[in-house]
Amino acid sequence: MPRSRNAQPTVKVTISTSPALFRDLEKVVATGYFGNTRSEAAERLLAEAIRNLLREGTLVRKKPTDL
């Protein structure tokens, strides 16, 4: 059964990485914990890392009026 469309608008991001990190990402995908594709896993890991930075105060989200 196909997935429903994402309710949030999205943008495409392309990254280049080392072969070792690519292999590690493949291992993450194989677990199924972070999605079933490299794109899903990379997005979820990046989102989690950003949430952690926000929580610890290393990164501060600007208010919409500050943009």
PDB file of N, CA and C in Angstrom:
ATOM      1  N   MET A   1       0.838  -1.164   0.000  1.00  0.00           N
ATOM      2  CA  MET A   1       0.000   0.000   0.000  1.00  0.00           C
ATOM      3  C   MET A   1       0.895   1.243   0.000  1.00  0.00           C
ATOM      4  N   PRO A   2       0.658   2.179  -0.922  1.00  0.00           N
ATOM      5  CA  PRO A   2       1.499   3.378  -0.971  1.00  0.00           C
ATOM      6  C   PRO A   2       1.260   4.283   0.231  1.00  0.00           C
ATOM      7  N   ARG A   3       2.302   5.023   0.564  1.00  0.00           N
ATOM      8  CA  ARG A   3       2.205   5.973   1.673  1.00  0.00           C
ATOM      9  C   ARG A   3       1.384   7.180   1.261  1.00  0.00           C
ATOM     10  N   SER A   4       0.771   7.821   2.262  1.00  0.00           N
ATOM     11  CA  SER A   4       0.077   9.068   1.989  1.00  0.00           C
ATOM     12  C   SER A   4       1.109  10.187   1.847  1.00  0.00           C
ATOM     13  N   ARG A   5       0.711  11.246   1.192  1.00  0.00           N
ATOM     14  CA  ARG A   5       1.615  12.376   0.992  1.00  0.00           C
ATOM     15  C   ARG A   5       1.953  13.029   2.324  1.00  0.00           C
ATOM     16  N   ASN A   6       3.143  13.593   2.395  1.00  0.00           N
ATOM     17  CA  ASN A   6       3.590  14.305   3.578  1.00  0.00           C
ATOM     18  C   ASN A   6       2.765  15.580   3.728  1.00  0.00           C
ATOM     19  N   ALA A   7       2.216  15.820   4.904  1.00  0.00           N
ATOM     20  CA  ALA A   7       1.405  17.009   5.150  1.00  0.00           C
ATOM     21  C   ALA A   7       2.264  18.272   5.218  1.00  0.00           C
ATOM     22  N   GLN A   8       3.529  18.133   5.533  1.00  0.00           N
ATOM     23  CA  GLN A   8       4.443  19.273   5.624  1.00  0.00           C
ATOM     24  C   GLN A   8       5.088  19.521   4.268  1.00  0.00           C
ATOM     25  N   PRO A   9       5.269  20.789   3.896  1.00  0.00           N
ATOM     26  CA  PRO A   9       6.032  21.045   2.668  1.00  0.00           C
ATOM     27  C   PRO A   9       7.472  20.570   2.863  1.00  0.00           C
ATOM     28  N   THR A  10       8.087  20.129   1.812  1.00  0.00           N
ATOM     29  CA  THR A  10       9.461  19.629   1.904  1.00  0.00           C
ATOM     30  C   THR A  10      10.334  20.282   0.840  1.00  0.00           C
ATOM     31  N   VAL A  11      11.631  20.217   1.055  1.00  0.00           N
ATOM     32  CA  VAL A  11      12.620  20.665   0.078  1.00  0.00           C
ATOM     33  C   VAL A  11      13.627  19.537  -0.089  1.00  0.00           C
ATOM     34  N   LYS A  12      14.236  19.460  -1.242  1.00  0.00           N
ATOM     35  CA  LYS A  12      15.213  18.419  -1.517  1.00  0.00           C
ATOM     36  C   LYS A  12      16.606  18.918  -1.147  1.00  0.00           C
ATOM     37  N   VAL A  13      17.368  18.068  -0.469  1.00  0.00           N
ATOM     38  CA  VAL A  13      18.744  18.375  -0.079  1.00  0.00           C
ATOM     39  C   VAL A  13      19.626  17.249  -0.592  1.00  0.00           C
ATOM     40  N   THR A  14      20.714  17.605  -1.231  1.00  0.00           N
ATOM     41  CA  THR A  14      21.663  16.612  -1.734  1.00  0.00           C
ATOM     42  C   THR A  14      22.957  16.748  -0.949  1.00  0.00           C
ATOM     43  N   ILE A  15      23.489  15.621  -0.485  1.00  0.00           N
ATOM     44  CA  ILE A  15      24.756  15.657   0.251  1.00  0.00           C
ATOM     45  C   ILE A  15      25.757  14.705  -0.398  1.00  0.00           C
ATOM     46  N   SER A  16      27.009  14.976  -0.167  1.00  0.00           N
ATOM     47  CA  SER A  16      28.093  14.070  -0.552  1.00  0.00           C
ATOM     48  C   SER A  16      28.769  13.643   0.733  1.00  0.00           C
ATOM     49  N   THR A  17      29.144  12.377   0.799  1.00  0.00           N
ATOM     50  CA  THR A  17      29.759  11.870   2.018  1.00  0.00           C
ATOM     51  C   THR A  17      30.799  10.816   1.675  1.00  0.00           C
ATOM     52  N   SER A  18      31.496  10.366   2.667  1.00  0.00           N
ATOM     53  CA  SER A  18      32.536   9.362   2.455  1.00  0.00           C
ATOM     54  C   SER A  18      31.906   7.986   2.245  1.00  0.00           C
ATOM     55  N   PRO A  19      32.642   7.107   1.586  1.00  0.00           N
ATOM     56  CA  PRO A  19      32.147   5.740   1.430  1.00  0.00           C
ATOM     57  C   PRO A  19      31.876   5.054   2.774  1.00  0.00           C
ATOM     58  N   ALA A  20      32.690   5.350   3.785  1.00  0.00           N
ATOM     59  CA  ALA A  20      32.494   4.722   5.099  1.00  0.00           C
ATOM     60  C   ALA A  20      31.174   5.167   5.714  1.00  0.00           C
ATOM     61  N   LEU A  21      30.867   6.458   5.637  1.00  0.00           N
ATOM     62  CA  LEU A  21      29.605   6.943   6.183  1.00  0.00           C
ATOM     63  C   LEU A  21      28.422   6.398   5.386  1.00  0.00           C
ATOM     64  N   PHE A  22      28.579   6.273   4.086  1.00  0.00           N
ATOM     65  CA  PHE A  22      27.535   5.680   3.248  1.00  0.00           C
ATOM     66  C   PHE A  22      27.251   4.244   3.697  1.00  0.00           C
ATOM     67  N   ARG A  23      28.299   3.478   3.954  1.00  0.00           N
ATOM     68  CA  ARG A  23      28.107   2.093   4.420  1.00  0.00           C
ATOM     69  C   ARG A  23      27.408   2.069   5.778  1.00  0.00           C
ATOM     70  N   ASP A  24      27.782   2.990   6.653  1.00  0.00           N
ATOM     71  CA  ASP A  24      27.122   3.067   7.963  1.00  0.00           C
ATOM     72  C   ASP A  24      25.643   3.405   7.798  1.00  0.00           C
ATOM     73  N   LEU A  25      25.320   4.302   6.889  1.00  0.00           N
ATOM     74  CA  LEU A  25      23.927   4.645   6.629  1.00  0.00           C
ATOM     75  C   LEU A  25      23.164   3.428   6.106  1.00  0.00           C
ATOM     76  N   GLU A  26      23.787   2.647   5.259  1.00  0.00           N
ATOM     77  CA  GLU A  26      23.168   1.413   4.775  1.00  0.00           C
ATOM     78  C   GLU A  26      22.853   0.466   5.939  1.00  0.00           C
ATOM     79  N   LYS A  27      23.754   0.384   6.909  1.00  0.00           N
ATOM     80  CA  LYS A  27      23.533  -0.461   8.087  1.00  0.00           C
ATOM     81  C   LYS A  27      22.356   0.061   8.912  1.00  0.00           C
ATOM     82  N   VAL A  28      22.269   1.387   9.032  1.00  0.00           N
ATOM     83  CA  VAL A  28      21.147   1.991   9.758  1.00  0.00           C
ATOM     84  C   VAL A  28      19.831   1.639   9.064  1.00  0.00           C
ATOM     85  N   VAL A  29      19.800   1.759   7.752  1.00  0.00           N
ATOM     86  CA  VAL A  29      18.585   1.436   6.982  1.00  0.00           C
ATOM     87  C   VAL A  29      18.211  -0.034   7.182  1.00  0.00           C
ATOM     88  N   ALA A  30      19.196  -0.896   7.217  1.00  0.00           N
ATOM     89  CA  ALA A  30      18.931  -2.325   7.379  1.00  0.00           C
ATOM     90  C   ALA A  30      18.233  -2.644   8.698  1.00  0.00           C
ATOM     91  N   THR A  31      18.430  -1.810   9.715  1.00  0.00           N
ATOM     92  CA  THR A  31      17.753  -2.051  10.992  1.00  0.00           C
ATOM     93  C   THR A  31      16.268  -1.739  10.906  1.00  0.00           C
ATOM     94  N   GLY A  32      15.895  -0.813  10.006  1.00  0.00           N
ATOM     95  CA  GLY A  32      14.498  -0.406   9.874  1.00  0.00           C
ATOM     96  C   GLY A  32      14.037   0.564  10.939  1.00  0.00           C
ATOM     97  N   TYR A  33      14.901   0.925  11.882  1.00  0.00           N
ATOM     98  CA  TYR A  33      14.512   1.820  12.978  1.00  0.00           C
ATOM     99  C   TYR A  33      14.330   3.261  12.534  1.00  0.00           C
ATOM    100  N   PHE A  34      15.009   3.662  11.476  1.00  0.00           N
ATOM    101  CA  PHE A  34      14.974   5.050  11.040  1.00  0.00           C
ATOM    102  C   PHE A  34      14.403   5.202   9.637  1.00  0.00           C
ATOM    103  N   GLY A  35      13.639   4.243   9.188  1.00  0.00           N
ATOM    104  CA  GLY A  35      13.061   4.297   7.850  1.00  0.00           C
ATOM    105  C   GLY A  35      13.561   3.146   7.001  1.00  0.00           C
ATOM    106  N   ASN A  36      13.023   3.086   5.804  1.00  0.00           N
ATOM    107  CA  ASN A  36      13.338   1.970   4.906  1.00  0.00           C
ATOM    108  C   ASN A  36      14.201   2.371   3.719  1.00  0.00           C
ATOM    109  N   THR A  37      14.570   3.635   3.639  1.00  0.00           N
ATOM    110  CA  THR A  37      15.437   4.102   2.555  1.00  0.00           C
ATOM    111  C   THR A  37      16.546   4.967   3.146  1.00  0.00           C
ATOM    112  N   ARG A  38      17.604   5.171   2.364  1.00  0.00           N
ATOM    113  CA  ARG A  38      18.691   6.040   2.813  1.00  0.00           C
ATOM    114  C   ARG A  38      18.181   7.450   3.061  1.00  0.00           C
ATOM    115  N   SER A  39      17.289   7.925   2.201  1.00  0.00           N
ATOM    116  CA  SER A  39      16.753   9.287   2.368  1.00  0.00           C
ATOM    117  C   SER A  39      15.973   9.419   3.668  1.00  0.00           C
ATOM    118  N   GLU A  40      15.111   8.447   3.951  1.00  0.00           N
ATOM    119  CA  GLU A  40      14.326   8.489   5.193  1.00  0.00           C
ATOM    120  C   GLU A  40      15.241   8.448   6.407  1.00  0.00           C
ATOM    121  N   ALA A  41      16.199   7.552   6.392  1.00  0.00           N
ATOM    122  CA  ALA A  41      17.097   7.414   7.542  1.00  0.00           C
ATOM    123  C   ALA A  41      17.927   8.677   7.738  1.00  0.00           C
ATOM    124  N   ALA A  42      18.459   9.232   6.665  1.00  0.00           N
ATOM    125  CA  ALA A  42      19.270  10.444   6.784  1.00  0.00           C
ATOM    126  C   ALA A  42      18.426  11.598   7.317  1.00  0.00           C
ATOM    127  N   GLU A  43      17.187  11.739   6.830  1.00  0.00           N
ATOM    128  CA  GLU A  43      16.318  12.817   7.303  1.00  0.00           C
ATOM    129  C   GLU A  43      16.003  12.654   8.776  1.00  0.00           C
ATOM    130  N   ARG A  44      15.691  11.446   9.193  1.00  0.00           N
ATOM    131  CA  ARG A  44      15.343  11.223  10.601  1.00  0.00           C
ATOM    132  C   ARG A  44      16.541  11.408  11.523  1.00  0.00           C
ATOM    133  N   LEU A  45      17.704  10.961  11.102  1.00  0.00           N
ATOM    134  CA  LEU A  45      18.904  11.156  11.922  1.00  0.00           C
ATOM    135  C   LEU A  45      19.267  12.636  12.009  1.00  0.00           C
ATOM    136  N   LEU A  46      19.150  13.356  10.898  1.00  0.00           N
ATOM    137  CA  LEU A  46      19.438  14.783  10.909  1.00  0.00           C
ATOM    138  C   LEU A  46      18.436  15.529  11.783  1.00  0.00           C
ATOM    139  N   ALA A  47      17.162  15.190  11.668  1.00  0.00           N
ATOM    140  CA  ALA A  47      16.138  15.836  12.494  1.00  0.00           C
ATOM    141  C   ALA A  47      16.401  15.583  13.974  1.00  0.00           C
ATOM    142  N   GLU A  48      16.782  14.364  14.310  1.00  0.00           N
ATOM    143  CA  GLU A  48      17.076  14.039  15.713  1.00  0.00           C
ATOM    144  C   GLU A  48      18.289  14.826  16.222  1.00  0.00           C
ATOM    145  N   ALA A  49      19.310  14.942  15.390  1.00  0.00           N
ATOM    146  CA  ALA A  49      20.505  15.692  15.788  1.00  0.00           C
ATOM    147  C   ALA A  49      20.170  17.167  16.009  1.00  0.00           C
ATOM    148  N   ILE A  50      19.329  17.734  15.139  1.00  0.00           N
ATOM    149  CA  ILE A  50      18.944  19.137  15.299  1.00  0.00           C
ATOM    150  C   ILE A  50      18.098  19.320  16.549  1.00  0.00           C
ATOM    151  N   ARG A  51      17.167  18.404  16.816  1.00  0.00           N
ATOM    152  CA  ARG A  51      16.372  18.483  18.056  1.00  0.00           C
ATOM    153  C   ARG A  51      17.286  18.464  19.275  1.00  0.00           C
ATOM    154  N   ASN A  52      18.304  17.611  19.255  1.00  0.00           N
ATOM    155  CA  ASN A  52      19.250  17.548  20.377  1.00  0.00           C
ATOM    156  C   ASN A  52      19.995  18.862  20.543  1.00  0.00           C
ATOM    157  N   LEU A  53      20.422  19.472  19.447  1.00  0.00           N
ATOM    158  CA  LEU A  53      21.114  20.764  19.516  1.00  0.00           C
ATOM    159  C   LEU A  53      20.199  21.842  20.068  1.00  0.00           C
ATOM    160  N   LEU A  54      18.928  21.832  19.661  1.00  0.00           N
ATOM    161  CA  LEU A  54      17.966  22.801  20.191  1.00  0.00           C
ATOM    162  C   LEU A  54      17.746  22.584  21.683  1.00  0.00           C
ATOM    163  N   ARG A  55      17.600  21.319  22.096  1.00  0.00           N
ATOM    164  CA  ARG A  55      17.353  20.991  23.499  1.00  0.00           C
ATOM    165  C   ARG A  55      18.503  21.422  24.395  1.00  0.00           C
ATOM    166  N   GLU A  56      19.743  21.235  23.922  1.00  0.00           N
ATOM    167  CA  GLU A  56      20.896  21.577  24.760  1.00  0.00           C
ATOM    168  C   GLU A  56      21.273  23.060  24.662  1.00  0.00           C
ATOM    169  N   GLY A  57      20.598  23.801  23.772  1.00  0.00           N
ATOM    170  CA  GLY A  57      20.838  25.224  23.649  1.00  0.00           C
ATOM    171  C   GLY A  57      21.972  25.599  22.720  1.00  0.00           C
ATOM    172  N   THR A  58      22.594  24.630  22.072  1.00  0.00           N
ATOM    173  CA  THR A  58      23.668  24.908  21.128  1.00  0.00           C
ATOM    174  C   THR A  58      23.127  25.625  19.897  1.00  0.00           C
ATOM    175  N   LEU A  59      21.914  25.302  19.530  1.00  0.00           N
ATOM    176  CA  LEU A  59      21.235  25.920  18.390  1.00  0.00           C
ATOM    177  C   LEU A  59      19.962  26.569  18.926  1.00  0.00           C
ATOM    178  N   VAL A  60      19.703  27.802  18.514  1.00  0.00           N
ATOM    179  CA  VAL A  60      18.518  28.517  18.961  1.00  0.00           C
ATOM    180  C   VAL A  60      17.645  28.808  17.739  1.00  0.00           C
ATOM    181  N   ARG A  61      16.407  28.396  17.811  1.00  0.00           N
ATOM    182  CA  ARG A  61      15.487  28.637  16.702  1.00  0.00           C
ATOM    183  C   ARG A  61      15.008  30.079  16.766  1.00  0.00           C
ATOM    184  N   LYS A  62      15.117  30.772  15.639  1.00  0.00           N
ATOM    185  CA  LYS A  62      14.666  32.155  15.578  1.00  0.00           C
ATOM    186  C   LYS A  62      13.143  32.197  15.469  1.00  0.00           C
ATOM    187  N   LYS A  63      12.573  33.252  16.015  1.00  0.00           N
ATOM    188  CA  LYS A  63      11.146  33.472  15.875  1.00  0.00           C
ATOM    189  C   LYS A  63      10.868  33.875  14.429  1.00  0.00           C
ATOM    190  N   PRO A  64       9.669  33.570  13.897  1.00  0.00           N
ATOM    191  CA  PRO A  64       9.365  33.940  12.503  1.00  0.00           C
ATOM    192  C   PRO A  64       9.583  35.430  12.224  1.00  0.00           C
ATOM    193  N   THR A  65       9.409  36.282  13.211  1.00  0.00           N
ATOM    194  CA  THR A  65       9.607  37.718  13.010  1.00  0.00           C
ATOM    195  C   THR A  65      11.081  38.076  12.884  1.00  0.00           C
ATOM    196  N   ASP A  66      11.979  37.166  13.322  1.00  0.00           N
ATOM    197  CA  ASP A  66      13.418  37.421  13.268  1.00  0.00           C
ATOM    198  C   ASP A  66      14.022  37.062  11.911  1.00  0.00           C
ATOM    199  N   LEU A  67      13.270  36.422  11.054  1.00  0.00           N
ATOM    200  CA  LEU A  67      13.831  35.958   9.776  1.00  0.00           C
ATOM    201  C   LEU A  67      14.025  37.049   8.788  1.00  0.00           C
TER     202      LEU A  67
END
